[in-house]
Amino acid sequence: MVVRGDVLVVHDEPDICWVLEKVLQRERCRSMTATTARQALEVVKFGPPFRMVLIGGKLPDIGGLALASLVRRIDPQVAIVLISGYLHRGDRVIAEGLERGAYGAFIDNPFDLREVRLVVKKVLGARRRSWRSALLTMVRRCWGLQPLLPADHESG
């Protein structure tokens, strides 16, 4: 079986995570899930390199856009796809992020499973990561060269 890549699914609803995992399995992707931004950041920092992160727009600890920014700091090459019923494709911040490449795609929630499959194929196809790039990302993470959370986002 050919594996297209590792994908992290971050959504506050476990049932949505489960459905997205099933879609990713059909596309021959390995996936992990997180239901909070803190969990997601731990996985991104200490887990395997991901080729794509699917992020829900509203999480219990911070918003999806803030999480996308933090994930990008840890791994600048990972593809980020936002899934939201709170944000919309026409919102200025989403449109600008899509235009400048901060987000690989945006999916409206409730979503159509066919759209999710198409986005996964498109984004992973466009974001082929070299072995060298993945290795460098892991080395950076292991040596702590990129912060997990900026001081202003830590809760305690």
N, C-alpha and C. Protein backbone atom coordinates (compact mmCIF):
# COMPACT_ATOMS: atom_id res chain seq x y z
N MET A 1 0.85 -1.19 0.00
CA MET A 1 0.00 0.00 0.00
C MET A 1 0.89 1.25 0.00
N VAL A 2 0.60 2.16 -0.88
CA VAL A 2 1.33 3.42 -0.95
C VAL A 2 0.69 4.41 0.01
N VAL A 3 1.50 5.01 0.86
CA VAL A 3 0.98 6.00 1.81
C VAL A 3 1.32 7.37 1.28
N ARG A 4 0.31 8.21 1.12
CA ARG A 4 0.52 9.55 0.57
C ARG A 4 1.19 10.47 1.58
N GLY A 5 0.99 10.27 2.84
CA GLY A 5 1.61 11.14 3.83
C GLY A 5 0.86 11.15 5.13
N ASP A 6 1.51 11.71 6.12
CA ASP A 6 0.90 11.80 7.43
C ASP A 6 0.11 13.09 7.53
N VAL A 7 -1.08 12.98 8.12
CA VAL A 7 -1.98 14.13 8.25
C VAL A 7 -2.44 14.20 9.70
N LEU A 8 -2.43 15.39 10.25
CA LEU A 8 -2.97 15.64 11.59
C LEU A 8 -4.32 16.31 11.43
N VAL A 9 -5.32 15.75 12.09
CA VAL A 9 -6.68 16.31 12.09
C VAL A 9 -6.91 16.94 13.45
N VAL A 10 -7.24 18.24 13.45
CA VAL A 10 -7.48 18.96 14.70
C VAL A 10 -8.89 19.54 14.64
N HIS A 11 -9.75 19.03 15.48
CA HIS A 11 -11.14 19.52 15.52
C HIS A 11 -11.68 19.29 16.92
N ASP A 12 -12.52 20.19 17.38
CA ASP A 12 -13.05 20.07 18.74
C ASP A 12 -14.09 18.97 18.88
N GLU A 13 -14.61 18.45 17.79
CA GLU A 13 -15.62 17.40 17.84
C GLU A 13 -14.99 16.06 17.46
N PRO A 14 -14.91 15.11 18.40
CA PRO A 14 -14.31 13.81 18.11
C PRO A 14 -14.97 13.08 16.93
N ASP A 15 -16.29 13.24 16.77
CA ASP A 15 -16.96 12.57 15.65
C ASP A 15 -16.47 13.09 14.30
N ILE A 16 -16.21 14.38 14.22
CA ILE A 16 -15.68 14.96 12.97
C ILE A 16 -14.26 14.42 12.74
N CYS A 17 -13.47 14.34 13.79
CA CYS A 17 -12.12 13.76 13.66
C CYS A 17 -12.20 12.34 13.10
N TRP A 18 -13.13 11.55 13.63
CA TRP A 18 -13.29 10.17 13.19
C TRP A 18 -13.66 10.10 11.71
N VAL A 19 -14.63 10.92 11.29
CA VAL A 19 -15.05 10.93 9.88
C VAL A 19 -13.89 11.33 8.98
N LEU A 20 -13.15 12.38 9.37
CA LEU A 20 -12.02 12.82 8.55
C LEU A 20 -10.93 11.76 8.50
N GLU A 21 -10.71 11.05 9.61
CA GLU A 21 -9.73 9.95 9.59
C GLU A 21 -10.13 8.88 8.59
N LYS A 22 -11.41 8.56 8.52
CA LYS A 22 -11.89 7.54 7.58
C LYS A 22 -11.68 8.00 6.13
N VAL A 23 -11.95 9.26 5.87
CA VAL A 23 -11.71 9.81 4.52
C VAL A 23 -10.23 9.71 4.18
N LEU A 24 -9.38 10.07 5.12
CA LEU A 24 -7.94 10.02 4.88
C LEU A 24 -7.45 8.59 4.67
N GLN A 25 -8.01 7.64 5.40
CA GLN A 25 -7.63 6.24 5.20
C GLN A 25 -7.96 5.79 3.78
N ARG A 26 -9.10 6.22 3.27
CA ARG A 26 -9.48 5.86 1.89
C ARG A 26 -8.53 6.46 0.87
N GLU A 27 -7.90 7.57 1.25
CA GLU A 27 -6.92 8.21 0.36
C GLU A 27 -5.50 7.72 0.67
N ARG A 28 -5.39 6.64 1.44
CA ARG A 28 -4.11 6.02 1.80
C ARG A 28 -3.19 6.94 2.59
N CYS A 29 -3.79 7.73 3.46
CA CYS A 29 -3.02 8.61 4.34
C CYS A 29 -3.06 8.05 5.76
N ARG A 30 -1.96 8.20 6.45
CA ARG A 30 -1.95 7.89 7.88
C ARG A 30 -2.36 9.18 8.59
N SER A 31 -3.09 9.04 9.69
CA SER A 31 -3.54 10.24 10.37
C SER A 31 -3.49 10.09 11.88
N MET A 32 -3.44 11.23 12.53
CA MET A 32 -3.54 11.33 13.98
C MET A 32 -4.57 12.43 14.23
N THR A 33 -5.15 12.43 15.43
CA THR A 33 -6.13 13.46 15.75
C THR A 33 -5.80 14.15 17.06
N ALA A 34 -6.32 15.36 17.17
CA ALA A 34 -6.23 16.14 18.41
C ALA A 34 -7.51 16.95 18.52
N THR A 35 -7.99 17.14 19.74
CA THR A 35 -9.23 17.90 19.93
C THR A 35 -8.99 19.27 20.56
N THR A 36 -7.73 19.58 20.86
CA THR A 36 -7.38 20.91 21.36
C THR A 36 -6.12 21.39 20.66
N ALA A 37 -5.90 22.69 20.68
CA ALA A 37 -4.70 23.25 20.08
C ALA A 37 -3.46 22.78 20.83
N ARG A 38 -3.54 22.71 22.14
CA ARG A 38 -2.37 22.27 22.93
C ARG A 38 -1.96 20.86 22.54
N GLN A 39 -2.93 19.95 22.42
CA GLN A 39 -2.62 18.58 21.98
C GLN A 39 -1.98 18.60 20.59
N ALA A 40 -2.55 19.38 19.71
CA ALA A 40 -2.04 19.45 18.34
C ALA A 40 -0.60 19.95 18.31
N LEU A 41 -0.30 20.97 19.09
CA LEU A 41 1.06 21.52 19.10
C LEU A 41 2.06 20.51 19.66
N GLU A 42 1.66 19.77 20.67
CA GLU A 42 2.53 18.72 21.20
C GLU A 42 2.83 17.67 20.13
N VAL A 43 1.80 17.26 19.41
CA VAL A 43 1.97 16.25 18.37
C VAL A 43 2.84 16.79 17.23
N VAL A 44 2.60 18.03 16.82
CA VAL A 44 3.39 18.61 15.74
C VAL A 44 4.85 18.75 16.15
N LYS A 45 5.07 19.15 17.39
CA LYS A 45 6.44 19.35 17.83
C LYS A 45 7.19 18.04 18.05
N PHE A 46 6.55 17.06 18.67
CA PHE A 46 7.25 15.84 19.08
C PHE A 46 6.91 14.61 18.24
N GLY A 47 5.89 14.70 17.40
CA GLY A 47 5.49 13.55 16.61
C GLY A 47 6.22 13.48 15.27
N PRO A 48 5.75 12.62 14.41
CA PRO A 48 6.37 12.50 13.09
C PRO A 48 6.10 13.77 12.28
N PRO A 49 6.91 14.03 11.25
CA PRO A 49 6.61 15.19 10.41
C PRO A 49 5.29 14.96 9.65
N PHE A 50 4.47 15.97 9.62
CA PHE A 50 3.21 15.87 8.90
C PHE A 50 3.33 16.59 7.57
N ARG A 51 2.61 16.07 6.58
CA ARG A 51 2.56 16.75 5.30
C ARG A 51 1.40 17.75 5.27
N MET A 52 0.38 17.47 6.09
CA MET A 52 -0.79 18.35 6.10
C MET A 52 -1.41 18.34 7.49
N VAL A 53 -1.97 19.50 7.88
CA VAL A 53 -2.73 19.61 9.12
C VAL A 53 -4.09 20.18 8.76
N LEU A 54 -5.15 19.44 9.08
CA LEU A 54 -6.53 19.91 8.90
C LEU A 54 -6.95 20.52 10.23
N ILE A 55 -7.34 21.79 10.22
CA ILE A 55 -7.64 22.50 11.47
C ILE A 55 -9.06 23.05 11.47
N GLY A 56 -9.82 22.72 12.51
CA GLY A 56 -11.14 23.29 12.69
C GLY A 56 -11.03 24.74 13.12
N GLY A 57 -12.01 25.54 12.78
CA GLY A 57 -11.94 26.97 13.04
C GLY A 57 -12.13 27.37 14.49
N LYS A 58 -12.81 26.54 15.27
CA LYS A 58 -13.10 26.89 16.66
C LYS A 58 -12.67 25.74 17.56
N LEU A 59 -11.65 25.99 18.36
CA LEU A 59 -11.14 24.98 19.29
C LEU A 59 -11.36 25.48 20.71
N PRO A 60 -11.36 24.59 21.70
CA PRO A 60 -11.66 25.03 23.06
C PRO A 60 -10.61 25.96 23.68
N ASP A 61 -9.35 25.86 23.25
CA ASP A 61 -8.32 26.68 23.89
C ASP A 61 -7.90 27.90 23.07
N ILE A 62 -7.71 27.77 21.77
CA ILE A 62 -7.46 28.95 20.92
C ILE A 62 -8.15 28.72 19.58
N GLY A 63 -8.27 29.76 18.80
CA GLY A 63 -8.93 29.65 17.50
C GLY A 63 -8.06 28.93 16.47
N GLY A 64 -8.72 28.44 15.44
CA GLY A 64 -8.04 27.71 14.38
C GLY A 64 -6.99 28.54 13.65
N LEU A 65 -7.27 29.83 13.44
CA LEU A 65 -6.30 30.68 12.75
C LEU A 65 -5.04 30.86 13.59
N ALA A 66 -5.21 31.03 14.90
CA ALA A 66 -4.04 31.17 15.78
C ALA A 66 -3.24 29.86 15.80
N LEU A 67 -3.93 28.73 15.82
CA LEU A 67 -3.24 27.45 15.79
C LEU A 67 -2.48 27.29 14.48
N ALA A 68 -3.10 27.68 13.37
CA ALA A 68 -2.42 27.57 12.07
C ALA A 68 -1.11 28.35 12.09
N SER A 69 -1.13 29.52 12.67
CA SER A 69 0.08 30.34 12.76
C SER A 69 1.15 29.66 13.62
N LEU A 70 0.76 29.07 14.74
CA LEU A 70 1.71 28.39 15.62
C LEU A 70 2.29 27.14 14.95
N VAL A 71 1.44 26.39 14.26
CA VAL A 71 1.91 25.20 13.54
C VAL A 71 2.92 25.62 12.47
N ARG A 72 2.63 26.70 11.79
CA ARG A 72 3.52 27.21 10.72
C ARG A 72 4.89 27.58 11.30
N ARG A 73 4.93 28.11 12.54
CA ARG A 73 6.21 28.43 13.18
C ARG A 73 7.04 27.18 13.45
N ILE A 74 6.36 26.10 13.84
CA ILE A 74 7.05 24.85 14.14
C ILE A 74 7.51 24.18 12.85
N ASP A 75 6.64 24.14 11.86
CA ASP A 75 6.96 23.48 10.59
C ASP A 75 6.50 24.36 9.43
N PRO A 76 7.38 25.20 8.91
CA PRO A 76 7.00 26.13 7.85
C PRO A 76 6.56 25.47 6.55
N GLN A 77 6.87 24.19 6.37
CA GLN A 77 6.55 23.55 5.10
C GLN A 77 5.26 22.74 5.10
N VAL A 78 4.66 22.55 6.27
CA VAL A 78 3.45 21.74 6.33
C VAL A 78 2.29 22.47 5.65
N ALA A 79 1.46 21.71 4.95
CA ALA A 79 0.27 22.28 4.32
C ALA A 79 -0.82 22.40 5.37
N ILE A 80 -1.47 23.55 5.41
CA ILE A 80 -2.54 23.78 6.39
C ILE A 80 -3.86 23.96 5.66
N VAL A 81 -4.85 23.18 6.08
CA VAL A 81 -6.20 23.28 5.52
C VAL A 81 -7.14 23.61 6.66
N LEU A 82 -7.89 24.68 6.49
CA LEU A 82 -8.86 25.09 7.52
C LEU A 82 -10.24 24.53 7.18
N ILE A 83 -10.93 24.06 8.22
CA ILE A 83 -12.31 23.57 8.07
C ILE A 83 -13.13 24.33 9.10
N SER A 84 -14.11 25.10 8.63
CA SER A 84 -14.86 25.90 9.59
C SER A 84 -16.26 26.22 9.13
N GLY A 85 -17.15 26.25 10.10
CA GLY A 85 -18.50 26.75 9.89
C GLY A 85 -18.65 28.14 10.47
N TYR A 86 -17.61 28.59 11.19
CA TYR A 86 -17.62 29.92 11.81
C TYR A 86 -16.94 30.95 10.92
N LEU A 87 -15.90 30.52 10.25
CA LEU A 87 -15.20 31.38 9.29
C LEU A 87 -15.72 31.01 7.91
N HIS A 88 -15.55 31.92 6.96
CA HIS A 88 -16.03 31.64 5.61
C HIS A 88 -14.96 32.02 4.60
N ARG A 89 -15.01 31.34 3.47
CA ARG A 89 -14.04 31.55 2.39
C ARG A 89 -13.93 33.02 2.00
N GLY A 90 -15.01 33.76 2.07
CA GLY A 90 -15.01 35.16 1.69
C GLY A 90 -14.48 36.12 2.74
N ASP A 91 -14.28 35.63 3.97
CA ASP A 91 -13.74 36.50 5.01
C ASP A 91 -12.35 37.00 4.59
N ARG A 92 -12.07 38.25 4.87
CA ARG A 92 -10.82 38.87 4.43
C ARG A 92 -9.59 38.08 4.88
N VAL A 93 -9.56 37.68 6.15
CA VAL A 93 -8.39 36.98 6.68
C VAL A 93 -8.19 35.63 5.98
N ILE A 94 -9.27 34.95 5.65
CA ILE A 94 -9.17 33.66 4.94
C ILE A 94 -8.72 33.89 3.50
N ALA A 95 -9.38 34.83 2.82
CA ALA A 95 -9.02 35.12 1.43
C ALA A 95 -7.56 35.53 1.29
N GLU A 96 -7.09 36.39 2.18
CA GLU A 96 -5.69 36.83 2.13
C GLU A 96 -4.74 35.67 2.43
N GLY A 97 -5.09 34.83 3.40
CA GLY A 97 -4.26 33.68 3.73
C GLY A 97 -4.16 32.69 2.59
N LEU A 98 -5.27 32.46 1.90
CA LEU A 98 -5.25 31.57 0.75
C LEU A 98 -4.41 32.16 -0.38
N GLU A 99 -4.56 33.46 -0.58
CA GLU A 99 -3.83 34.15 -1.66
C GLU A 99 -2.32 34.11 -1.45
N ARG A 100 -1.87 34.32 -0.23
CA ARG A 100 -0.42 34.35 0.01
C ARG A 100 0.16 32.98 0.36
N GLY A 101 -0.69 31.95 0.34
CA GLY A 101 -0.20 30.59 0.55
C GLY A 101 -0.09 30.16 1.99
N ALA A 102 -0.63 30.95 2.93
CA ALA A 102 -0.59 30.56 4.34
C ALA A 102 -1.44 29.32 4.58
N TYR A 103 -2.51 29.17 3.81
CA TYR A 103 -3.39 28.02 3.90
C TYR A 103 -3.43 27.34 2.54
N GLY A 104 -3.37 26.01 2.55
CA GLY A 104 -3.44 25.27 1.30
C GLY A 104 -4.84 25.27 0.73
N ALA A 105 -5.84 25.31 1.63
CA ALA A 105 -7.23 25.30 1.19
C ALA A 105 -8.13 25.63 2.37
N PHE A 106 -9.38 25.91 2.04
CA PHE A 106 -10.40 26.17 3.05
C PHE A 106 -11.62 25.32 2.70
N ILE A 107 -12.17 24.63 3.69
CA ILE A 107 -13.36 23.81 3.48
C ILE A 107 -14.44 24.30 4.43
N ASP A 108 -15.61 24.62 3.85
CA ASP A 108 -16.75 25.04 4.68
C ASP A 108 -17.30 23.84 5.43
N ASN A 109 -17.70 24.07 6.69
CA ASN A 109 -18.32 23.04 7.49
C ASN A 109 -19.78 23.42 7.70
N PRO A 110 -20.76 22.60 7.46
CA PRO A 110 -20.64 21.18 7.16
C PRO A 110 -20.00 20.96 5.78
N PHE A 111 -19.20 19.91 5.69
CA PHE A 111 -18.45 19.66 4.47
C PHE A 111 -19.00 18.46 3.72
N ASP A 112 -18.66 18.43 2.45
CA ASP A 112 -18.99 17.32 1.57
C ASP A 112 -17.76 16.42 1.53
N LEU A 113 -17.94 15.14 1.75
CA LEU A 113 -16.81 14.22 1.80
C LEU A 113 -16.03 14.19 0.48
N ARG A 114 -16.73 14.37 -0.63
CA ARG A 114 -16.03 14.42 -1.94
C ARG A 114 -15.11 15.62 -2.00
N GLU A 115 -15.56 16.77 -1.46
CA GLU A 115 -14.71 17.96 -1.44
C GLU A 115 -13.47 17.72 -0.58
N VAL A 116 -13.66 17.08 0.56
CA VAL A 116 -12.52 16.79 1.42
C VAL A 116 -11.51 15.92 0.68
N ARG A 117 -11.98 14.87 0.00
CA ARG A 117 -11.08 13.99 -0.76
C ARG A 117 -10.32 14.77 -1.82
N LEU A 118 -11.03 15.62 -2.56
CA LEU A 118 -10.38 16.41 -3.61
C LEU A 118 -9.33 17.35 -3.04
N VAL A 119 -9.65 18.00 -1.94
CA VAL A 119 -8.70 18.92 -1.32
C VAL A 119 -7.46 18.17 -0.84
N VAL A 120 -7.66 17.01 -0.22
CA VAL A 120 -6.53 16.21 0.26
C VAL A 120 -5.62 15.84 -0.91
N LYS A 121 -6.20 15.35 -1.99
CA LYS A 121 -5.40 14.98 -3.16
C LYS A 121 -4.65 16.18 -3.73
N LYS A 122 -5.36 17.30 -3.84
CA LYS A 122 -4.75 18.50 -4.42
C LYS A 122 -3.61 19.02 -3.54
N VAL A 123 -3.88 19.17 -2.27
CA VAL A 123 -2.90 19.77 -1.36
C VAL A 123 -1.68 18.85 -1.20
N LEU A 124 -1.90 17.57 -0.99
CA LEU A 124 -0.76 16.67 -0.83
C LEU A 124 0.03 16.53 -2.12
N GLY A 125 -0.65 16.57 -3.24
CA GLY A 125 0.05 16.51 -4.52
C GLY A 125 0.92 17.72 -4.77
N ALA A 126 0.46 18.88 -4.31
CA ALA A 126 1.20 20.13 -4.52
C ALA A 126 2.31 20.32 -3.50
N ARG A 127 2.24 19.62 -2.39
CA ARG A 127 3.19 19.83 -1.29
C ARG A 127 4.09 18.62 -1.04
N ARG A 128 4.63 18.06 -2.08
CA ARG A 128 5.53 16.92 -1.90
C ARG A 128 6.78 17.38 -1.15
N ARG A 129 7.01 16.76 -0.02
CA ARG A 129 8.17 17.13 0.80
C ARG A 129 9.30 16.16 0.53
N SER A 130 10.45 16.68 0.39
CA SER A 130 11.61 15.82 0.17
C SER A 130 12.01 15.15 1.48
N TRP A 131 12.74 14.06 1.36
CA TRP A 131 13.23 13.35 2.52
C TRP A 131 14.13 14.26 3.34
N ARG A 132 14.96 15.04 2.67
CA ARG A 132 15.88 15.96 3.35
C ARG A 132 15.11 16.99 4.17
N SER A 133 14.06 17.54 3.61
CA SER A 133 13.26 18.54 4.31
C SER A 133 12.62 17.96 5.57
N ALA A 134 12.09 16.75 5.46
CA ALA A 134 11.47 16.11 6.62
C ALA A 134 12.51 15.83 7.70
N LEU A 135 13.70 15.40 7.29
CA LEU A 135 14.76 15.14 8.25
C LEU A 135 15.19 16.42 8.97
N LEU A 136 15.32 17.52 8.23
CA LEU A 136 15.69 18.79 8.84
C LEU A 136 14.63 19.25 9.84
N THR A 137 13.36 19.04 9.52
CA THR A 137 12.29 19.41 10.43
C THR A 137 12.40 18.63 11.73
N MET A 138 12.66 17.33 11.63
CA MET A 138 12.79 16.50 12.84
C MET A 138 14.01 16.94 13.67
N VAL A 139 15.12 17.26 13.01
CA VAL A 139 16.31 17.71 13.73
C VAL A 139 16.01 19.00 14.47
N ARG A 140 15.33 19.94 13.81
CA ARG A 140 14.97 21.21 14.46
C ARG A 140 14.12 20.95 15.69
N ARG A 141 13.13 20.07 15.55
CA ARG A 141 12.25 19.77 16.68
C ARG A 141 13.02 19.14 17.83
N CYS A 142 13.87 18.17 17.51
CA CYS A 142 14.63 17.46 18.55
C CYS A 142 15.57 18.40 19.31
N TRP A 143 16.15 19.35 18.61
CA TRP A 143 17.08 20.27 19.24
C TRP A 143 16.38 21.49 19.81
N GLY A 144 15.05 21.56 19.68
CA GLY A 144 14.29 22.67 20.27
C GLY A 144 14.57 24.00 19.63
N LEU A 145 14.84 24.00 18.32
CA LEU A 145 15.16 25.25 17.64
C LEU A 145 13.92 26.08 17.32
N GLN A 146 12.74 25.51 17.50
CA GLN A 146 11.51 26.24 17.24
C GLN A 146 10.61 26.12 18.47
N PRO A 147 10.08 27.24 18.97
CA PRO A 147 9.29 27.20 20.20
C PRO A 147 7.95 26.48 19.99
N LEU A 148 7.48 25.82 21.05
CA LEU A 148 6.17 25.18 21.01
C LEU A 148 5.07 26.23 21.06
N LEU A 149 5.14 27.10 22.02
CA LEU A 149 4.14 28.15 22.17
C LEU A 149 4.86 29.45 22.51
N PRO A 150 4.51 30.54 21.82
CA PRO A 150 5.06 31.84 22.26
C PRO A 150 4.54 32.15 23.65
N ALA A 151 5.27 32.94 24.40
CA ALA A 151 4.92 33.25 25.79
C ALA A 151 3.51 33.83 25.93
N ASP A 152 3.06 34.60 24.95
CA ASP A 152 1.75 35.23 25.07
C ASP A 152 0.59 34.24 24.86
N HIS A 153 0.86 33.01 24.40
CA HIS A 153 -0.22 32.04 24.19
C HIS A 153 -0.23 30.95 25.25
N GLU A 154 0.75 30.95 26.14
CA GLU A 154 0.79 29.90 27.16
C GLU A 154 -0.27 30.15 28.20
N SER A 155 -0.87 29.09 28.65
CA SER A 155 -1.85 29.22 29.74
C SER A 155 -1.32 28.46 30.94
N GLY A 156 -1.69 28.88 32.10
CA GLY A 156 -1.12 28.17 33.23
C GLY A 156 -1.80 28.38 34.45
